[in-house]
Protein backbone atom coordinates (compact mmCIF):
# COMPACT_ATOMS: atom_id res chain seq x y z
CA UNK A 1 39.40 27.52 132.82
CA UNK A 2 38.55 27.49 136.51
CA UNK A 3 40.69 30.47 137.49
CA UNK A 4 38.14 31.67 139.99
CA UNK A 5 38.36 28.56 142.19
CA UNK A 6 40.31 28.89 145.44
CA UNK A 7 43.47 26.80 145.48
CA UNK A 8 46.16 26.32 148.10
CA UNK A 9 49.91 26.18 147.42
CA UNK A 10 51.88 22.97 147.08
CA UNK A 11 54.35 21.68 149.65
CA UNK A 12 55.48 23.66 152.66
CA UNK A 13 54.29 27.01 151.30
CA UNK A 14 51.54 28.24 153.61
CA UNK A 15 48.23 29.79 152.64
CA UNK A 16 47.68 33.41 153.67
CA UNK A 17 44.71 35.73 153.77
CA UNK A 18 46.46 37.87 151.14
CA UNK A 19 46.56 34.94 148.74
CA UNK A 20 42.89 34.23 149.43
CA UNK A 21 41.95 37.86 148.83
CA UNK A 22 43.84 37.85 145.51
CA UNK A 23 42.05 34.68 144.40
CA UNK A 24 38.67 36.17 145.33
CA UNK A 25 39.55 39.33 143.37
CA UNK A 26 40.64 37.28 140.37
CA UNK A 27 37.29 35.45 140.48
CA UNK A 28 35.44 38.76 139.97
CA UNK A 29 36.78 39.42 136.47
CA UNK A 30 34.02 40.43 134.05
CA UNK A 31 33.48 38.00 131.18
CA UNK A 32 34.16 40.63 128.50
CA UNK A 33 37.09 42.29 130.30
CA UNK A 34 40.42 42.38 128.41
CA UNK A 35 43.61 44.42 128.29
CA UNK A 36 46.70 44.61 126.10
CA UNK A 37 49.36 42.71 128.03
CA UNK A 38 52.30 44.86 126.89
CA UNK A 39 50.49 48.12 127.54
CA UNK A 40 49.71 46.83 131.03
CA UNK A 41 53.35 45.77 131.48
CA UNK A 42 54.54 49.30 130.63
CA UNK A 43 52.14 50.67 133.23
CA UNK A 44 53.58 48.17 135.73
CA UNK A 45 57.07 49.45 134.99
CA UNK A 46 55.92 53.00 135.80
CA UNK A 47 54.02 51.98 138.94
CA UNK A 48 56.71 49.67 140.37
CA UNK A 49 57.69 52.04 143.25
CA UNK A 50 54.12 51.94 144.55
CA UNK A 51 53.71 48.19 143.99
CA UNK A 52 56.89 47.26 145.86
CA UNK A 53 58.55 45.30 143.06
CA UNK A 54 61.97 45.67 141.47
CA UNK A 55 63.46 45.55 138.00
CA UNK A 56 64.39 41.87 138.14
CA UNK A 57 60.92 40.84 139.28
CA UNK A 58 59.57 42.75 136.28
CA UNK A 59 62.01 40.88 134.04
CA UNK A 60 60.57 37.57 135.28
CA UNK A 61 57.01 38.86 134.73
CA UNK A 62 57.98 39.94 131.21
CA UNK A 63 59.18 36.38 130.55
CA UNK A 64 55.90 34.95 131.86
CA UNK A 65 53.89 37.28 129.62
CA UNK A 66 55.95 36.17 126.63
CA UNK A 67 54.62 32.63 127.19
CA UNK A 68 51.04 33.88 126.98
CA UNK A 69 49.97 33.20 123.36
CA UNK A 70 47.68 36.23 122.84
CA UNK A 71 48.37 39.97 123.04
CA UNK A 72 45.06 40.52 124.85
CA UNK A 73 44.72 39.24 128.39
CA UNK A 74 41.18 37.86 128.55
CA UNK A 75 39.45 35.10 130.44
CA UNK A 76 38.21 33.47 127.27
CA UNK A 77 41.84 33.00 126.13
CA UNK A 78 42.86 31.37 129.39
CA UNK A 79 45.01 33.13 131.94
CA UNK A 80 47.46 30.43 133.08
CA UNK A 81 51.03 30.04 131.83
CA UNK A 82 53.11 27.01 132.74
CA UNK A 83 56.78 27.43 131.70
CA UNK A 84 59.44 25.58 133.66
CA UNK A 85 62.09 27.45 135.62
CA UNK A 86 64.65 26.46 132.98
CA UNK A 87 62.57 28.11 130.26
CA UNK A 88 62.08 31.20 132.40
CA UNK A 89 65.83 31.36 133.01
CA UNK A 90 66.43 31.37 129.26
CA UNK A 91 63.81 34.09 128.66
CA UNK A 92 65.39 36.23 131.39
CA UNK A 93 68.81 36.13 129.70
CA UNK A 94 70.31 33.46 131.93
CA UNK A 95 68.99 34.51 135.33
CA UNK A 96 69.77 31.79 137.89
CA UNK A 97 66.86 29.45 138.64
CA UNK A 98 67.09 30.20 142.33
CA UNK A 99 66.77 33.91 141.55
CA UNK A 100 63.83 33.22 139.24
CA UNK A 101 62.03 31.38 142.04
CA UNK A 102 62.69 34.23 144.46
CA UNK A 103 61.21 36.82 142.11
CA UNK A 104 58.23 34.62 141.30
CA UNK A 105 57.49 34.53 145.02
CA UNK A 106 57.81 38.34 145.15
CA UNK A 107 55.29 38.72 142.32
CA UNK A 108 52.85 36.41 144.11
CA UNK A 109 53.32 38.34 147.35
CA UNK A 110 52.71 41.64 145.52
CA UNK A 111 49.38 40.28 144.27
CA UNK A 112 50.34 40.27 140.59
CA UNK A 113 50.35 36.49 140.12
CA UNK A 114 48.48 33.48 141.49
CA UNK A 115 49.84 29.99 141.85
CA UNK A 116 47.68 27.18 140.59
CA UNK A 117 49.71 24.21 141.73
CA UNK A 118 49.19 20.67 140.50
CA UNK A 119 48.97 17.74 142.93
CA UNK A 120 52.72 17.13 142.59
CA UNK A 121 53.70 20.81 142.29
CA UNK A 122 54.73 20.52 138.65
CA UNK A 123 53.62 22.92 135.90
CA UNK A 124 51.88 21.27 133.00
CA UNK A 125 48.74 21.29 130.85
CA UNK A 126 46.10 18.72 129.92
CA UNK A 127 44.55 18.93 126.49
CA UNK A 128 41.49 17.29 124.98
CA UNK A 129 41.46 15.26 121.78
CA UNK A 130 41.03 18.38 119.70
CA UNK A 131 44.21 19.86 121.18
CA UNK A 132 42.42 22.50 123.24
CA UNK A 133 43.61 23.20 126.78
CA UNK A 134 41.42 21.35 129.24
CA UNK A 135 43.28 22.14 132.46
CA UNK A 136 46.57 23.86 133.22
CA UNK A 137 48.74 24.14 136.31
CA UNK A 138 51.22 26.99 136.70
CA UNK A 139 50.88 30.75 137.24
CA UNK A 140 47.61 32.58 136.72
CA UNK A 141 47.75 36.09 135.20
CA UNK A 142 44.22 36.77 136.43
CA UNK A 143 45.34 39.31 139.10
CA UNK A 144 46.90 41.46 136.35
CA UNK A 145 43.61 41.55 134.47
CA UNK A 146 41.58 42.14 137.64
CA UNK A 147 43.88 45.00 138.78
CA UNK A 148 44.48 46.54 135.34
CA UNK A 149 42.56 49.74 136.14
CA UNK A 150 44.29 50.13 139.51
CA UNK A 151 47.73 49.59 137.95
CA UNK A 152 47.09 52.21 135.27
CA UNK A 153 45.95 54.68 137.92
CA UNK A 154 49.10 54.07 139.99
CA UNK A 155 51.23 54.55 136.89
CA UNK A 156 49.49 57.89 136.23
CA UNK A 157 50.23 58.99 139.81
CA UNK A 158 53.92 58.10 139.46
CA UNK A 159 54.20 59.99 136.17
CA UNK A 160 52.44 63.03 137.67
CA UNK A 161 54.84 62.95 140.63
CA UNK A 162 57.82 62.72 138.25
CA UNK A 163 56.55 65.71 136.28
CA UNK A 164 56.03 67.65 139.51
CA UNK A 165 59.60 66.91 140.61
CA UNK A 166 60.93 67.94 137.19
CA UNK A 167 59.16 71.29 137.42
CA UNK A 168 60.43 71.80 140.96
CA UNK A 169 63.99 71.18 139.76
CA UNK A 170 63.54 73.69 136.93
CA UNK A 171 62.28 76.36 139.32
CA UNK A 172 65.12 75.64 141.75
CA UNK A 173 67.64 76.03 138.91
CA UNK A 174 66.18 79.45 138.06
CA UNK A 175 66.27 80.57 141.70
CA UNK A 176 69.87 79.36 142.09
CA UNK A 177 70.88 81.40 139.07
CA UNK A 178 69.02 84.48 140.33
CA UNK A 179 70.59 84.38 143.79
CA UNK A 180 74.14 83.80 142.53
CA UNK A 181 74.01 86.58 139.94
CA UNK A 182 72.27 89.08 142.23
CA UNK A 183 74.98 88.57 144.88
CA UNK A 184 77.64 88.96 142.19
CA UNK A 185 76.02 92.20 141.00
CA UNK A 186 75.89 93.54 144.56
CA UNK A 187 79.58 92.79 145.13
CA UNK A 188 80.54 94.26 141.76
CA UNK A 189 78.63 97.47 142.44
CA UNK A 190 80.09 97.65 145.97
CA UNK A 191 76.69 97.80 147.64
CA UNK A 192 77.04 97.59 151.44
CA UNK A 193 75.87 94.37 153.07
CA UNK A 194 77.00 91.00 154.35
CA UNK A 195 77.18 89.45 150.88
CA UNK A 196 79.76 86.88 151.98
CA UNK A 197 77.35 85.66 154.65
CA UNK A 198 74.46 85.51 152.19
CA UNK A 199 76.60 83.58 149.73
CA UNK A 200 77.58 81.11 152.47
CA UNK A 201 73.91 80.67 153.38
CA UNK A 202 73.12 80.05 149.70
CA UNK A 203 75.83 77.37 149.40
CA UNK A 204 74.64 75.68 152.61
CA UNK A 205 71.12 75.38 151.19
CA UNK A 206 72.34 73.81 147.95
CA UNK A 207 74.84 71.43 149.54
CA UNK A 208 72.33 70.31 152.18
CA UNK A 209 70.12 68.71 149.55
CA UNK A 210 70.35 64.87 149.48
CA UNK A 211 71.57 63.10 146.36
CA UNK A 212 68.09 61.72 145.66
CA UNK A 213 65.71 64.27 147.19
CA UNK A 214 61.99 63.78 147.65
CA UNK A 215 59.40 66.18 146.31
CA UNK A 216 58.87 67.55 149.83
CA UNK A 217 62.60 68.28 150.22
CA UNK A 218 62.67 70.02 146.84
CA UNK A 219 59.64 72.12 147.78
CA UNK A 220 61.33 73.17 151.03
CA UNK A 221 64.54 74.11 149.19
CA UNK A 222 62.57 76.11 146.61
CA UNK A 223 60.78 78.01 149.37
CA UNK A 224 64.05 78.83 151.15
CA UNK A 225 65.67 79.98 147.90
CA UNK A 226 62.68 82.20 147.14
CA UNK A 227 62.93 83.77 150.60
CA UNK A 228 66.67 84.38 150.14
CA UNK A 229 66.10 85.83 146.66
CA UNK A 230 63.38 88.15 147.99
CA UNK A 231 65.74 89.36 150.76
CA UNK A 232 68.52 90.14 148.26
CA UNK A 233 66.10 91.91 145.89
CA UNK A 234 64.74 93.96 148.78
CA UNK A 235 68.25 95.13 149.70
CA UNK A 236 69.04 96.04 146.11
CA UNK A 237 65.74 97.87 145.64
CA UNK A 238 66.36 99.91 148.79
CA UNK A 239 69.76 100.86 147.37
CA UNK A 240 68.24 101.87 144.04
CA UNK A 241 65.53 103.97 145.72
CA UNK A 242 68.04 105.74 147.95
CA UNK A 243 70.20 106.51 144.92
CA UNK A 244 67.22 107.94 143.04
CA UNK A 245 66.25 110.07 146.02
CA UNK A 246 69.69 111.70 145.97
CA UNK A 247 69.21 112.44 142.30
CA UNK A 248 72.43 110.75 141.27
CA UNK A 249 71.48 110.39 137.61
CA UNK A 250 75.08 110.05 136.47
CA UNK A 251 75.60 107.01 138.63
CA UNK A 252 72.43 105.34 137.30
CA UNK A 253 73.52 106.01 133.72
CA UNK A 254 76.96 104.46 134.32
CA UNK A 255 75.31 101.46 135.94
CA UNK A 256 73.12 100.83 132.88
CA UNK A 257 75.94 101.31 130.38
CA UNK A 258 78.66 99.33 132.12
CA UNK A 259 76.90 96.40 133.78
CA UNK A 260 78.11 93.19 132.21
CA UNK A 261 75.12 90.89 131.49
CA UNK A 262 77.35 87.86 130.98
CA UNK A 263 79.72 86.78 133.72
CA UNK A 264 82.54 84.33 133.09
CA UNK A 265 84.70 82.26 135.37
CA UNK A 266 87.96 82.94 133.51
CA UNK A 267 90.58 85.01 135.31
CA UNK A 268 91.60 87.09 132.29
CA UNK A 269 91.60 90.84 131.64
CA UNK A 270 88.23 90.54 129.87
CA UNK A 271 86.71 89.21 133.09
CA UNK A 272 86.90 92.41 135.15
CA UNK A 273 83.91 94.60 134.38
CA UNK A 274 84.82 98.22 133.83
CA UNK A 275 83.42 100.32 136.58
CA UNK A 276 83.47 103.46 134.50
CA UNK A 277 84.20 105.45 137.63
CA UNK A 278 87.15 107.54 138.80
CA UNK A 279 88.87 107.31 142.16
CA UNK A 280 86.83 110.23 143.37
CA UNK A 281 83.55 108.63 142.31
CA UNK A 282 84.45 105.34 144.05
CA UNK A 283 85.20 107.18 147.26
CA UNK A 284 82.00 109.15 146.82
CA UNK A 285 80.07 105.89 146.83
CA UNK A 286 81.88 104.81 150.00
CA UNK A 287 80.83 108.11 151.56
CA UNK A 288 77.24 107.42 150.56
CA UNK A 289 77.45 104.04 152.32
CA UNK A 290 78.77 105.61 155.51
CA UNK A 291 76.84 108.89 155.50
CA UNK A 292 73.64 107.77 153.75
CA UNK A 293 70.72 110.10 154.33
CA UNK A 294 72.84 113.11 155.28
CA UNK A 295 72.67 114.82 151.88
CA UNK A 296 74.96 117.52 150.64
CA UNK A 297 76.87 117.96 153.90
CA UNK A 298 78.14 114.38 153.85
CA UNK A 299 79.14 114.65 150.19
CA UNK A 300 81.05 117.84 150.91
CA UNK A 301 83.00 116.18 153.71
CA UNK A 302 83.80 113.23 151.46
CA UNK A 303 85.03 115.56 148.69
CA UNK A 304 87.54 117.03 151.14
CA UNK A 305 88.68 113.52 152.05
CA UNK A 306 89.20 112.68 148.38
CA UNK A 307 91.31 115.76 147.76
CA UNK A 308 93.63 114.95 150.66
CA UNK A 309 94.03 111.20 149.83
CA UNK A 310 97.16 109.62 148.39
CA UNK A 311 97.80 106.58 146.20
CA UNK A 312 98.25 104.24 149.16
CA UNK A 313 94.49 104.21 149.86
CA UNK A 314 94.05 101.36 147.35
CA UNK A 315 93.56 103.41 144.22
CA UNK A 316 89.78 103.49 144.81
CA UNK A 317 89.59 99.70 145.02
CA UNK A 318 87.32 98.19 147.64
CA UNK A 319 89.00 95.78 150.05
CA UNK A 320 87.20 92.52 150.79
CA UNK A 321 87.18 90.46 153.98
CA UNK A 322 90.15 88.16 154.38
CA UNK A 323 87.86 85.17 154.87
CA UNK A 324 86.21 85.80 151.49
CA UNK A 325 89.62 86.07 149.78
CA UNK A 326 90.82 82.77 151.30
CA UNK A 327 87.56 81.05 150.38
CA UNK A 328 87.95 82.16 146.77
CA UNK A 329 91.71 81.48 146.62
CA UNK A 330 92.50 78.47 148.84
CA UNK A 331 95.82 77.68 147.08
CA UNK A 332 97.50 80.68 148.71
CA UNK A 333 97.11 78.98 152.12
CA UNK A 334 100.01 76.64 151.34
CA UNK A 335 102.40 79.62 151.17
CA UNK A 336 101.43 81.17 154.51
CA UNK A 337 103.55 80.79 157.65
CA UNK A 338 103.33 77.10 158.61
CA UNK A 339 100.67 76.64 155.94
CA UNK A 340 98.23 78.99 157.73
CA UNK A 341 97.07 82.54 156.98
CA UNK A 342 95.59 84.22 160.06
CA UNK A 343 95.67 87.88 159.08
CA UNK A 344 96.50 90.30 156.26
CA UNK A 345 100.18 90.33 157.21
CA UNK A 346 100.36 86.57 156.61
CA UNK A 347 98.61 86.98 153.27
CA UNK A 348 101.00 89.70 152.14
CA UNK A 349 103.98 87.54 153.16
CA UNK A 350 102.55 84.63 151.19
CA UNK A 351 101.97 86.93 148.19
CA UNK A 352 105.68 87.85 148.13
CA UNK A 353 106.61 84.14 147.95
CA UNK A 354 104.04 83.54 145.19
CA UNK A 355 105.29 86.62 143.34
CA UNK A 356 108.79 85.19 143.22
CA UNK A 357 107.53 81.70 142.28
CA UNK A 358 105.45 83.00 139.35
CA UNK A 359 108.30 85.14 138.03
CA UNK A 360 106.73 88.52 138.79
CA UNK A 361 109.43 91.17 139.13
CA UNK A 362 109.74 93.09 142.41
CA UNK A 363 109.12 96.37 140.58
CA UNK A 364 105.82 95.11 139.08
CA UNK A 365 104.56 93.98 142.48
CA UNK A 366 105.72 97.18 144.19
CA UNK A 367 103.93 99.28 141.59
CA UNK A 368 100.73 97.21 142.09
CA UNK A 369 100.96 97.69 145.87
CA UNK A 370 101.39 101.44 145.44
CA UNK A 371 98.39 101.76 143.11
CA UNK A 372 95.99 99.22 144.58
CA UNK A 373 97.11 99.13 148.17
CA UNK A 374 99.15 96.31 149.76
CA UNK A 375 96.09 94.25 150.79
CA UNK A 376 94.51 94.44 147.35
CA UNK A 377 97.81 93.67 145.62
CA UNK A 378 98.17 90.55 147.78
CA UNK A 379 94.58 89.60 146.94
CA UNK A 380 95.29 89.95 143.21
CA UNK A 381 98.39 87.76 143.54
CA UNK A 382 96.27 85.10 145.28
CA UNK A 383 93.79 85.25 142.39
CA UNK A 384 96.57 84.94 139.81
CA UNK A 385 97.96 81.90 141.66
CA UNK A 386 94.49 80.31 141.74
CA UNK A 387 94.13 80.45 137.97
CA UNK A 388 97.80 80.49 137.03
CA UNK A 389 97.34 77.78 134.40
CA UNK A 390 95.24 80.19 132.33
CA UNK A 391 97.74 83.08 132.41
CA UNK A 392 100.82 83.04 130.18
CA UNK A 393 102.72 85.86 131.89
CA UNK A 394 101.83 86.59 135.51
CA UNK A 395 104.05 89.70 135.55
CA UNK A 396 102.54 91.18 132.39
CA UNK A 397 99.05 90.38 133.61
CA UNK A 398 99.70 92.11 136.96
CA UNK A 399 101.08 95.21 135.20
CA UNK A 400 97.97 95.30 133.01
CA UNK A 401 95.70 95.20 136.06
CA UNK A 402 97.77 97.92 137.69
CA UNK A 403 97.33 100.22 134.68
CA UNK A 404 93.59 99.55 134.65
CA UNK A 405 93.41 100.26 138.36
CA UNK A 406 95.10 103.62 137.84
CA UNK A 407 92.36 104.51 135.35
CA UNK A 408 89.59 103.29 137.67
CA UNK A 409 88.70 100.48 135.24
CA UNK A 410 89.41 97.49 137.49
CA UNK A 411 87.41 95.94 140.35
CA UNK A 412 88.38 92.91 142.44
CA UNK A 413 84.81 91.91 143.29
CA UNK A 414 83.89 90.12 140.02
CA UNK A 415 87.22 88.28 140.07
CA UNK A 416 86.61 86.95 143.59
CA UNK A 417 83.00 85.97 142.87
CA UNK A 418 84.03 83.98 139.79
CA UNK A 419 86.66 82.11 141.79
CA UNK A 420 84.14 81.48 144.58
CA UNK A 421 81.84 79.81 142.08
CA UNK A 422 84.68 77.82 140.55
CA UNK A 423 85.99 76.60 143.93
CA UNK A 424 82.63 75.93 145.58
CA UNK A 425 82.04 72.21 146.23
CA UNK A 426 79.96 70.64 143.44
CA UNK A 427 76.41 70.83 144.67
CA UNK A 428 73.90 68.11 143.97
CA UNK A 429 72.03 68.79 140.83
CA UNK A 430 68.30 69.65 140.88
CA UNK A 431 67.87 70.51 137.33
């Protein structure tokens, strides 16, 4: 077979330097060089992004390889196949002949095939009297054999890149989990800080990722998540160190015993983590936030404040920003004046409407407002509305939360964080 000879294309197809270079490369095949055609085809499938070919072009190449009689591509076996477009259409499961021709041209342009055209442009073979192939006109597979080592190297690079991206996605998943649960823990433990702002920054990072990100974009996201995680950990560690310096061993012990390692997104009584703290202890923590570093004098002043308080201070419950409540419970917006909630008064008015709609008695809501505080009672009603389909009796559920609040066993923070996660727009997956 004279596969190394330079040939020009038939008809109006022009000759290019790329075609000439491919023919020269094909003429440099070593006499003993061979490769398994299907192993090489699998490598081509892996390396297709770097070779600039698509799935359908590979389907046409697969059909061409099926016409090659041997499993080993070798020069001694001949490297030219000569099926007609009709036969190729059948081997490609009925692909249109025009489409077959287009993808054959793409394979030639990519340097994976060579045309060896006959004088009239037809594909055929001449055999000698013994039946051996004397000369064939069609497509030469010589470029595949000549570039076998290069193709396998490109396939290895693509697989390494895929593995790198997979590991980046795994690390991003771990950092996402860390950031979300650390913020939840901070809110649950009522640690001072702009946790709503940090959570918004976290969601912006996740939602800003494209649907099909590159490795560089994933690396940037991972770096930003690690920076955010380090910032949150630093804030929590400062809080822990300040607590230890004050010698508040009882608080540390309660934290270890009552922290819930498994958070859920269900708005049920089992969701609220018991704080294990009385009203006085909750207010003591608020005093620490406001008077941190002032020692025994600040604690003494806070003790006096606790003794003079009444039930309308929210029953020891921490109030959360209105914006955070509306972000976690967007359904309550429909019941505000003109469908808008601008302040706490609007929220409390909407809560009264929701209370009536859900069948909660006026006495149950009044008792909740007295124990929790009017803002917190309205917040709880917004949460109940948000997950109303999971609660059989809204009135009984509210009374249960009120009793737990009286005992200091209920916190709104975990409830809001679970609803924030449930209502956050579905981010693009990275792992």
